[in-house]
C-alpha atoms as a PDB file:
ATOM      1  CA  MET A   1      82.221 150.060 103.094  1.00  0.00           C
ATOM      2  CA  ARG A   2      82.657 150.784  99.085  1.00  0.00           C
ATOM      3  CA  VAL A   3      81.221 148.418  96.747  1.00  0.00           C
ATOM      4  CA  VAL A   4      81.540 148.225  92.961  1.00  0.00           C
ATOM      5  CA  ILE A   5      79.555 145.749  90.832  1.00  0.00           C
ATOM      6  CA  TRP A   6      80.370 144.848  87.070  1.00  0.00           C
ATOM      7  CA  VAL A   7      77.216 144.198  85.225  1.00  0.00           C
ATOM      8  CA  ASP A   8      77.129 142.070  82.061  1.00  0.00           C
ATOM      9  CA  MET A   9      73.980 140.126  80.770  1.00  0.00           C
ATOM     10  CA  GLU A  10      74.699 136.883  79.217  1.00  0.00           C
ATOM     11  CA  GLY A  11      75.368 135.419  82.643  1.00  0.00           C
ATOM     12  CA  ILE A  12      71.466 135.894  83.786  1.00  0.00           C
ATOM     13  CA  ALA A  13      69.387 133.374  84.933  1.00  0.00           C
ATOM     14  CA  GLY A  14      66.827 132.772  82.193  1.00  0.00           C
ATOM     15  CA  ILE A  15      69.145 134.398  78.960  1.00  0.00           C
ATOM     16  CA  GLU A  16      71.014 131.951  76.596  1.00  0.00           C
ATOM     17  CA  THR A  17      69.719 133.556  73.347  1.00  0.00           C
ATOM     18  CA  TRP A  18      71.405 136.694  71.656  1.00  0.00           C
ATOM     19  CA  ASP A  19      68.011 138.426  70.706  1.00  0.00           C
ATOM     20  CA  GLN A  20      67.853 138.563  74.473  1.00  0.00           C
ATOM     21  CA  VAL A  21      70.547 140.824  74.675  1.00  0.00           C
ATOM     22  CA  SER A  22      70.779 142.518  71.550  1.00  0.00           C
ATOM     23  CA  GLY A  23      69.446 146.361  71.754  1.00  0.00           C
ATOM     24  CA  GLY A  24      66.267 146.533  69.350  1.00  0.00           C
ATOM     25  CA  LYS A  25      65.621 142.684  69.624  1.00  0.00           C
ATOM     26  CA  PRO A  26      61.911 141.436  70.863  1.00  0.00           C
ATOM     27  CA  GLN A  27      63.259 139.614  73.671  1.00  0.00           C
ATOM     28  CA  TYR A  28      65.886 142.286  74.708  1.00  0.00           C
ATOM     29  CA  GLU A  29      63.252 144.257  77.078  1.00  0.00           C
ATOM     30  CA  GLU A  30      62.830 140.083  78.530  1.00  0.00           C
ATOM     31  CA  GLY A  31      66.462 139.905  79.103  1.00  0.00           C
ATOM     32  CA  ARG A  32      66.585 144.116  80.363  1.00  0.00           C
ATOM     33  CA  ARG A  33      64.247 143.392  83.613  1.00  0.00           C
ATOM     34  CA  LEU A  34      66.201 140.170  84.033  1.00  0.00           C
ATOM     35  CA  MET A  35      69.541 141.420  84.692  1.00  0.00           C
ATOM     36  CA  THR A  36      67.843 144.251  86.695  1.00  0.00           C
ATOM     37  CA  GLY A  37      66.499 142.142  88.832  1.00  0.00           C
ATOM     38  CA  GLU A  38      69.844 140.218  89.545  1.00  0.00           C
ATOM     39  CA  VAL A  39      71.322 143.587  89.849  1.00  0.00           C
ATOM     40  CA  ASN A  40      68.487 144.867  92.516  1.00  0.00           C
ATOM     41  CA  ALA A  41      69.479 141.538  94.498  1.00  0.00           C
ATOM     42  CA  ALA A  42      72.961 142.250  94.636  1.00  0.00           C
ATOM     43  CA  VAL A  43      72.476 145.804  95.734  1.00  0.00           C
ATOM     44  CA  ARG A  44      70.197 144.566  98.358  1.00  0.00           C
ATOM     45  CA  GLY A  45      72.815 141.682  99.358  1.00  0.00           C
ATOM     46  CA  ALA A  46      75.814 144.648  99.678  1.00  0.00           C
ATOM     47  CA  LYS A  47      73.648 147.147 102.187  1.00  0.00           C
ATOM     48  CA  ALA A  48      72.515 143.883 104.340  1.00  0.00           C
ATOM     49  CA  ALA A  49      76.604 143.398 104.163  1.00  0.00           C
ATOM     50  CA  GLY A  50      77.040 147.136 105.635  1.00  0.00           C
ATOM     51  CA  ALA A  51      77.854 148.405 102.129  1.00  0.00           C
ATOM     52  CA  ASP A  52      77.291 152.534 102.618  1.00  0.00           C
ATOM     53  CA  ASP A  53      78.336 153.367  98.953  1.00  0.00           C
ATOM     54  CA  ILE A  54      77.438 151.005  96.231  1.00  0.00           C
ATOM     55  CA  ILE A  55      78.273 152.191  92.342  1.00  0.00           C
ATOM     56  CA  VAL A  56      76.925 150.106  89.584  1.00  0.00           C
ATOM     57  CA  ILE A  57      78.252 149.692  86.267  1.00  0.00           C
ATOM     58  CA  ASP A  58      76.365 148.856  83.117  1.00  0.00           C
ATOM     59  CA  CYS A  59      78.774 146.708  81.260  1.00  0.00           C
ATOM     60  CA  HIS A  60      76.868 145.114  78.376  1.00  0.00           C
ATOM     61  CA  GLY A  61      77.328 146.073  74.856  1.00  0.00           C
ATOM     62  CA  ALA A  62      73.360 145.667  74.007  1.00  0.00           C
ATOM     63  CA  GLY A  63      74.404 147.325  70.606  1.00  0.00           C
ATOM     64  CA  GLY A  64      73.493 150.493  69.105  1.00  0.00           C
ATOM     65  CA  SER A  65      72.199 153.442  71.220  1.00  0.00           C
ATOM     66  CA  TYR A  66      71.677 150.574  74.046  1.00  0.00           C
ATOM     67  CA  SER A  67      74.782 149.586  74.618  1.00  0.00           C
ATOM     68  CA  PHE A  68      75.805 149.863  78.593  1.00  0.00           C
ATOM     69  CA  LYS A  69      72.337 151.481  79.009  1.00  0.00           C
ATOM     70  CA  SER A  70      70.393 147.866  79.748  1.00  0.00           C
ATOM     71  CA  LEU A  71      69.444 148.357  83.217  1.00  0.00           C
ATOM     72  CA  ILE A  72      65.830 149.627  83.597  1.00  0.00           C
ATOM     73  CA  PRO A  73      66.176 153.105  85.825  1.00  0.00           C
ATOM     74  CA  GLU A  74      63.046 152.765  87.206  1.00  0.00           C
ATOM     75  CA  ARG A  75      63.114 149.659  87.933  1.00  0.00           C
ATOM     76  CA  LEU A  76      66.186 149.973  90.440  1.00  0.00           C
ATOM     77  CA  GLU A  77      67.189 149.083  94.114  1.00  0.00           C
ATOM     78  CA  ARG A  78      67.657 152.295  96.244  1.00  0.00           C
ATOM     79  CA  GLY A  79      71.085 152.957  97.770  1.00  0.00           C
ATOM     80  CA  ALA A  80      73.258 152.712  94.536  1.00  0.00           C
ATOM     81  CA  SER A  81      74.479 154.980  92.059  1.00  0.00           C
ATOM     82  CA  TYR A  82      74.253 153.770  88.752  1.00  0.00           C
ATOM     83  CA  VAL A  83      76.899 154.374  85.693  1.00  0.00           C
ATOM     84  CA  LEU A  84      75.364 153.826  82.530  1.00  0.00           C
ATOM     85  CA  GLY A  85      76.196 154.713  78.758  1.00  0.00           C
ATOM     86  CA  HIS A  86      79.956 154.695  79.495  1.00  0.00           C
ATOM     87  CA  ALA A  87      82.653 152.664  77.619  1.00  0.00           C
ATOM     88  CA  TRP A  88      83.189 149.378  78.728  1.00  0.00           C
ATOM     89  CA  CYS A  89      86.026 148.658  81.601  1.00  0.00           C
ATOM     90  CA  ARG A  90      86.546 152.407  81.596  1.00  0.00           C
ATOM     91  CA  TYR A  91      84.724 153.547  84.217  1.00  0.00           C
ATOM     92  CA  ILE A  92      87.797 153.528  87.260  1.00  0.00           C
ATOM     93  CA  GLU A  93      87.043 156.630  89.430  1.00  0.00           C
ATOM     94  CA  PRO A  94      85.679 154.542  92.658  1.00  0.00           C
ATOM     95  CA  LEU A  95      88.639 152.660  92.173  1.00  0.00           C
ATOM     96  CA  LYS A  96      90.926 155.288  91.836  1.00  0.00           C
ATOM     97  CA  GLN A  97      89.429 156.721  95.404  1.00  0.00           C
ATOM     98  CA  GLY A  98      89.579 153.849  97.513  1.00  0.00           C
ATOM     99  CA  CYS A  99      87.473 150.855  96.916  1.00  0.00           C
ATOM    100  CA  ASP A 100      87.016 147.861  99.148  1.00  0.00           C
ATOM    101  CA  ALA A 101      85.628 145.172  97.034  1.00  0.00           C
ATOM    102  CA  ALA A 102      84.236 144.136  93.285  1.00  0.00           C
ATOM    103  CA  LEU A 103      81.278 141.931  92.645  1.00  0.00           C
ATOM    104  CA  LEU A 104      80.517 140.739  89.228  1.00  0.00           C
ATOM    105  CA  VAL A 105      76.723 140.027  88.036  1.00  0.00           C
ATOM    106  CA  GLY A 106      75.654 138.440  84.568  1.00  0.00           C
ATOM    107  CA  ALA A 107      79.205 137.321  83.866  1.00  0.00           C
ATOM    108  CA  HIS A 108      79.951 134.732  81.152  1.00  0.00           C
ATOM    109  CA  ALA A 109      82.884 132.178  80.297  1.00  0.00           C
ATOM    110  CA  MET A 110      85.695 133.190  78.148  1.00  0.00           C
ATOM    111  CA  ALA A 111      85.476 132.149  74.163  1.00  0.00           C
ATOM    112  CA  GLY A 112      85.560 128.236  73.527  1.00  0.00           C
ATOM    113  CA  THR A 113      84.144 127.204  76.666  1.00  0.00           C
ATOM    114  CA  PRO A 114      82.059 123.827  75.976  1.00  0.00           C
ATOM    115  CA  GLU A 115      79.515 124.636  78.363  1.00  0.00           C
ATOM    116  CA  GLY A 116      79.856 127.927  78.690  1.00  0.00           C
ATOM    117  CA  VAL A 117      76.440 130.033  77.885  1.00  0.00           C
ATOM    118  CA  MET A 118      76.923 132.526  75.059  1.00  0.00           C
ATOM    119  CA  CYS A 119      80.318 131.954  75.799  1.00  0.00           C
ATOM    120  CA  HIS A 120      82.485 134.971  74.032  1.00  0.00           C
ATOM    121  CA  THR A 121      85.434 137.182  75.196  1.00  0.00           C
ATOM    122  CA  VAL A 122      84.823 141.165  74.531  1.00  0.00           C
ATOM    123  CA  SER A 123      83.325 140.132  70.690  1.00  0.00           C
ATOM    124  CA  SER A 124      82.506 136.932  69.517  1.00  0.00           C
ATOM    125  CA  GLU A 125      83.159 138.476  66.024  1.00  0.00           C
ATOM    126  CA  ALA A 126      86.493 140.293  66.307  1.00  0.00           C
ATOM    127  CA  TRP A 127      88.378 138.803  69.252  1.00  0.00           C
ATOM    128  CA  TYR A 128      89.400 135.005  70.231  1.00  0.00           C
ATOM    129  CA  ASN A 129      91.458 134.637  72.914  1.00  0.00           C
ATOM    130  CA  ALA A 130      92.931 137.104  74.947  1.00  0.00           C
ATOM    131  CA  ARG A 131      96.022 136.234  77.917  1.00  0.00           C
ATOM    132  CA  ILE A 132      97.605 138.679  80.878  1.00  0.00           C
ATOM    133  CA  ASN A 133     100.613 137.001  80.663  1.00  0.00           C
ATOM    134  CA  ASP A 134     100.130 133.587  79.799  1.00  0.00           C
ATOM    135  CA  GLN A 135      96.937 133.137  81.468  1.00  0.00           C
ATOM    136  CA  LEU A 136      94.203 132.613  79.228  1.00  0.00           C
ATOM    137  CA  VAL A 137      91.561 135.312  80.420  1.00  0.00           C
ATOM    138  CA  GLY A 138      87.529 136.271  79.780  1.00  0.00           C
ATOM    139  CA  GLU A 139      86.502 139.402  80.307  1.00  0.00           C
ATOM    140  CA  SER A 140      86.254 138.491  84.025  1.00  0.00           C
ATOM    141  CA  GLY A 141      89.358 138.078  84.024  1.00  0.00           C
ATOM    142  CA  ILE A 142      90.293 141.495  82.734  1.00  0.00           C
ATOM    143  CA  GLU A 143      87.846 142.779  85.381  1.00  0.00           C
ATOM    144  CA  ALA A 144      90.016 141.461  87.735  1.00  0.00           C
ATOM    145  CA  ALA A 145      93.503 142.635  86.509  1.00  0.00           C
ATOM    146  CA  ILE A 146      91.584 146.179  86.347  1.00  0.00           C
ATOM    147  CA  CYS A 147      90.207 145.847  89.670  1.00  0.00           C
ATOM    148  CA  GLY A 148      93.746 144.473  91.293  1.00  0.00           C
ATOM    149  CA  ALA A 149      95.995 147.699  89.676  1.00  0.00           C
ATOM    150  CA  PHE A 150      93.978 149.727  92.394  1.00  0.00           C
ATOM    151  CA  GLY A 151      94.248 146.926  94.893  1.00  0.00           C
ATOM    152  CA  VAL A 152      90.430 145.801  94.741  1.00  0.00           C
ATOM    153  CA  PRO A 153      89.594 142.373  95.285  1.00  0.00           C
ATOM    154  CA  ILE A 154      86.685 140.426  92.969  1.00  0.00           C
ATOM    155  CA  VAL A 155      85.084 138.771  95.798  1.00  0.00           C
ATOM    156  CA  PHE A 156      81.858 137.370  94.149  1.00  0.00           C
ATOM    157  CA  VAL A 157      80.783 136.385  90.957  1.00  0.00           C
ATOM    158  CA  ALA A 158      77.275 135.347  89.556  1.00  0.00           C
ATOM    159  CA  GLY A 159      77.140 133.517  86.379  1.00  0.00           C
ATOM    160  CA  ASP A 160      76.474 129.651  84.931  1.00  0.00           C
ATOM    161  CA  GLU A 161      78.548 127.057  86.532  1.00  0.00           C
ATOM    162  CA  SER A 162      81.455 127.039  83.902  1.00  0.00           C
ATOM    163  CA  THR A 163      81.837 130.923  85.079  1.00  0.00           C
ATOM    164  CA  CYS A 164      81.977 130.344  88.286  1.00  0.00           C
ATOM    165  CA  ARG A 165      84.367 127.983  87.727  1.00  0.00           C
ATOM    166  CA  GLU A 166      86.763 130.230  85.483  1.00  0.00           C
ATOM    167  CA  VAL A 167      86.720 133.022  88.334  1.00  0.00           C
ATOM    168  CA  THR A 168      87.323 130.615  91.226  1.00  0.00           C
ATOM    169  CA  ASP A 169      90.342 128.838  89.223  1.00  0.00           C
ATOM    170  CA  LEU A 170      91.857 132.160  88.854  1.00  0.00           C
ATOM    171  CA  LEU A 171      91.452 134.059  92.114  1.00  0.00           C
ATOM    172  CA  GLY A 172      90.686 130.712  94.240  1.00  0.00           C
ATOM    173  CA  PRO A 173      88.224 129.277  96.394  1.00  0.00           C
ATOM    174  CA  LYS A 174      87.633 132.269  98.231  1.00  0.00           C
ATOM    175  CA  VAL A 175      85.305 133.955  95.451  1.00  0.00           C
ATOM    176  CA  VAL A 176      82.467 133.565  96.386  1.00  0.00           C
ATOM    177  CA  THR A 177      79.896 131.715  93.914  1.00  0.00           C
ATOM    178  CA  ALA A 178      75.975 132.479  92.806  1.00  0.00           C
ATOM    179  CA  PRO A 179      75.437 129.456  89.255  1.00  0.00           C
ATOM    180  CA  VAL A 180      72.412 130.614  88.435  1.00  0.00           C
ATOM    181  CA  LYS A 181      72.621 128.390  85.345  1.00  0.00           C
ATOM    182  CA  GLU A 182      74.092 125.234  84.169  1.00  0.00           C
ATOM    183  CA  GLY A 183      74.807 125.843  80.515  1.00  0.00           C
ATOM    184  CA  LEU A 184      73.556 122.484  78.116  1.00  0.00           C
ATOM    185  CA  GLY A 185      75.644 124.278  75.493  1.00  0.00           C
ATOM    186  CA  ARG A 186      76.767 127.198  73.786  1.00  0.00           C
ATOM    187  CA  TYR A 187      72.910 128.209  73.574  1.00  0.00           C
ATOM    188  CA  SER A 188      71.228 126.584  76.022  1.00  0.00           C
ATOM    189  CA  ALA A 189      71.000 126.099  79.906  1.00  0.00           C
ATOM    190  CA  CYS A 190      69.537 124.883  82.875  1.00  0.00           C
ATOM    191  CA  THR A 191      68.205 128.005  84.421  1.00  0.00           C
ATOM    192  CA  LEU A 192      66.971 129.058  88.246  1.00  0.00           C
ATOM    193  CA  GLY A 193      63.669 131.145  88.068  1.00  0.00           C
ATOM    194  CA  HIS A 194      64.180 134.676  88.473  1.00  0.00           C
ATOM    195  CA  ALA A 195      63.379 134.677  92.122  1.00  0.00           C
ATOM    196  CA  ASP A 196      65.577 132.156  92.563  1.00  0.00           C
ATOM    197  CA  ALA A 197      68.206 133.319  91.582  1.00  0.00           C
ATOM    198  CA  CYS A 198      67.335 136.363  93.610  1.00  0.00           C
ATOM    199  CA  ASP A 199      67.497 135.149  96.503  1.00  0.00           C
ATOM    200  CA  LEU A 200      70.503 133.552  95.974  1.00  0.00           C
ATOM    201  CA  ILE A 201      72.808 136.172  94.600  1.00  0.00           C
ATOM    202  CA  GLU A 202      71.337 138.326  97.172  1.00  0.00           C
ATOM    203  CA  SER A 203      72.447 136.094  99.820  1.00  0.00           C
ATOM    204  CA  ARG A 204      75.710 135.078  98.413  1.00  0.00           C
ATOM    205  CA  VAL A 205      76.650 138.980  97.928  1.00  0.00           C
ATOM    206  CA  ARG A 206      75.869 139.272 102.140  1.00  0.00           C
ATOM    207  CA  GLN A 207      77.664 135.975 102.224  1.00  0.00           C
ATOM    208  CA  ALA A 208      80.804 137.376 100.781  1.00  0.00           C
ATOM    209  CA  LEU A 209      81.261 141.071 102.491  1.00  0.00           C
ATOM    210  CA  GLY A 210      80.278 140.183 105.427  1.00  0.00           C
ATOM    211  CA  THR A 211      83.437 137.753 105.659  1.00  0.00           C
ATOM    212  CA  HIS A 212      85.807 139.658 104.929  1.00  0.00           C
ATOM    213  CA  ASP A 213      87.785 136.596 104.292  1.00  0.00           C
ATOM    214  CA  TRP A 214      88.318 137.822 100.547  1.00  0.00           C
ATOM    215  CA  PRO A 215      90.803 136.850  97.963  1.00  0.00           C
ATOM    216  CA  ALA A 216      93.920 138.821  97.116  1.00  0.00           C
ATOM    217  CA  PRO A 217      93.670 141.424  94.551  1.00  0.00           C
ATOM    218  CA  TYR A 218      93.904 139.857  91.241  1.00  0.00           C
ATOM    219  CA  VAL A 219      98.018 141.218  90.157  1.00  0.00           C
ATOM    220  CA  PRO A 220      99.655 139.557  87.265  1.00  0.00           C
ATOM    221  CA  ALA A 221     103.671 140.131  87.276  1.00  0.00           C
ATOM    222  CA  SER A 222     105.007 142.949  86.135  1.00  0.00           C
ATOM    223  CA  PRO A 223     106.325 144.065  83.623  1.00  0.00           C
ATOM    224  CA  MET A 224     103.154 142.676  81.810  1.00  0.00           C
ATOM    225  CA  THR A 225     101.433 141.860  78.792  1.00  0.00           C
ATOM    226  CA  PHE A 226      97.705 141.584  77.276  1.00  0.00           C
ATOM    227  CA  THR A 227      98.127 139.664  73.961  1.00  0.00           C
ATOM    228  CA  VAL A 228      94.985 139.101  72.253  1.00  0.00           C
ATOM    229  CA  GLU A 229      93.927 136.812  69.259  1.00  0.00           C
ATOM    230  CA  LEU A 230      91.635 137.953  66.432  1.00  0.00           C
ATOM    231  CA  ALA A 231      89.997 137.224  64.278  1.00  0.00           C
ATOM    232  CA  ALA A 232      90.566 138.210  61.050  1.00  0.00           C
ATOM    233  CA  PRO A 233      93.554 139.963  59.756  1.00  0.00           C
ATOM    234  CA  ASP A 234      91.343 143.779  59.677  1.00  0.00           C
ATOM    235  CA  HIS A 235      90.848 144.097  62.950  1.00  0.00           C
ATOM    236  CA  ALA A 236      94.392 144.840  63.448  1.00  0.00           C
ATOM    237  CA  LEU A 237      94.215 148.068  62.012  1.00  0.00           C
ATOM    238  CA  ALA A 238      92.898 149.527  65.026  1.00  0.00           C
ATOM    239  CA  PHE A 239      95.793 148.910  66.995  1.00  0.00           C
ATOM    240  CA  GLN A 240      97.959 150.515  64.786  1.00  0.00           C
ATOM    241  CA  GLY A 241      99.982 153.792  65.924  1.00  0.00           C
ATOM    242  CA  ARG A 242      98.782 152.878  69.343  1.00  0.00           C
ATOM    243  CA  THR A 243     101.941 153.849  72.076  1.00  0.00           C
ATOM    244  CA  GLY A 244     102.629 150.418  73.954  1.00  0.00           C
ATOM    245  CA  VAL A 245     100.801 148.045  71.371  1.00  0.00           C
ATOM    246  CA  GLU A 246     102.815 146.144  68.769  1.00  0.00           C
ATOM    247  CA  ILE A 247     100.549 143.937  66.015  1.00  0.00           C
ATOM    248  CA  VAL A 248     102.959 140.624  66.304  1.00  0.00           C
ATOM    249  CA  GLU A 249     101.267 138.833  63.732  1.00  0.00           C
ATOM    250  CA  PRO A 250      98.276 139.572  60.890  1.00  0.00           C
ATOM    251  CA  ARG A 251      95.903 138.786  63.904  1.00  0.00           C
ATOM    252  CA  LYS A 252      97.673 139.130  67.108  1.00  0.00           C
ATOM    253  CA  VAL A 253      98.365 141.995  68.892  1.00  0.00           C
ATOM    254  CA  VAL A 254     100.319 142.683  72.068  1.00  0.00           C
ATOM    255  CA  ALA A 255     100.272 145.725  74.739  1.00  0.00           C
ATOM    256  CA  ARG A 256     103.084 145.810  77.384  1.00  0.00           C
ATOM    257  CA  GLY A 257     102.902 147.799  80.698  1.00  0.00           C
ATOM    258  CA  ASP A 258     103.902 148.266  84.054  1.00  0.00           C
ATOM    259  CA  THR A 259     100.157 147.593  85.503  1.00  0.00           C
ATOM    260  CA  PHE A 260      97.496 146.213  83.794  1.00  0.00           C
ATOM    261  CA  TRP A 261      95.701 149.523  84.056  1.00  0.00           C
ATOM    262  CA  GLU A 262      98.589 151.120  82.096  1.00  0.00           C
ATOM    263  CA  LEU A 263      98.923 148.881  79.457  1.00  0.00           C
ATOM    264  CA  TRP A 264      94.719 148.427  79.662  1.00  0.00           C
ATOM    265  CA  ASP A 265      94.911 152.537  79.280  1.00  0.00           C
ATOM    266  CA  ARG A 266      96.713 152.074  75.900  1.00  0.00           C
ATOM    267  CA  PHE A 267      94.975 148.802  74.207  1.00  0.00           C
ATOM    268  CA  TRP A 268      91.276 149.866  74.892  1.00  0.00           C
ATOM    269  CA  TYR A 269      89.116 152.514  72.961  1.00  0.00           C
ATOM    270  CA  ARG A 270      88.879 155.783  75.345  1.00  0.00           C
ATOM    271  CA  VAL A 271      86.032 157.760  75.480  1.00  0.00           C
END
């Protein structure tokens, strides 16, 4: 069984502030340790469920040379491979080769979620809302649509309670969730301790992969659109001249395609 684990940092237990997730800040090393521990728990759960090919993708843009390199290499669990330093949502080789299921660890809620800890969609400074067709989505929805373009379901999510609801609302009740904290505001949470969060993730991942009663892959109706409302008109300049991408309003861009990967490949930066 081949499994992909997409990991972010804002949804990790014990993390509530930008200093914990921003490369070079005093608390960033703490965030890295917490993130690495939860990833290791997910890998252990996947191995226990019978996964023999586990690919972990670091999806956290910590800034500068730390972007997508927050996992601590010498502390990583054996029995998996780890993708570091690759642009967000561009690494799809396991999906192209054939993959059974995908997991989200450290996921956070979309922009504007009242109790979503550190909620944002892609960029807290450049993006407001994102929609696939008419469906409002966050980063988890984008990742689910990328996986769905290759027939791969998202079967598990760990993050705060708002994020777990967001993913369940989008993909259905068969998604197994591991709520590791409850948002008390954007920068406050009632959180599990690290060891308890890791235990919960390990057991729920094993449950999710062991049952094979998975939600269907997320495949929006085609032809489809991806619409992003930007924070300011100057952010639209980055999309000028891209095939299949149109600036429809000063702060709104739309990408079109027959599959989500087709339009995402046109919309999002290449490496």
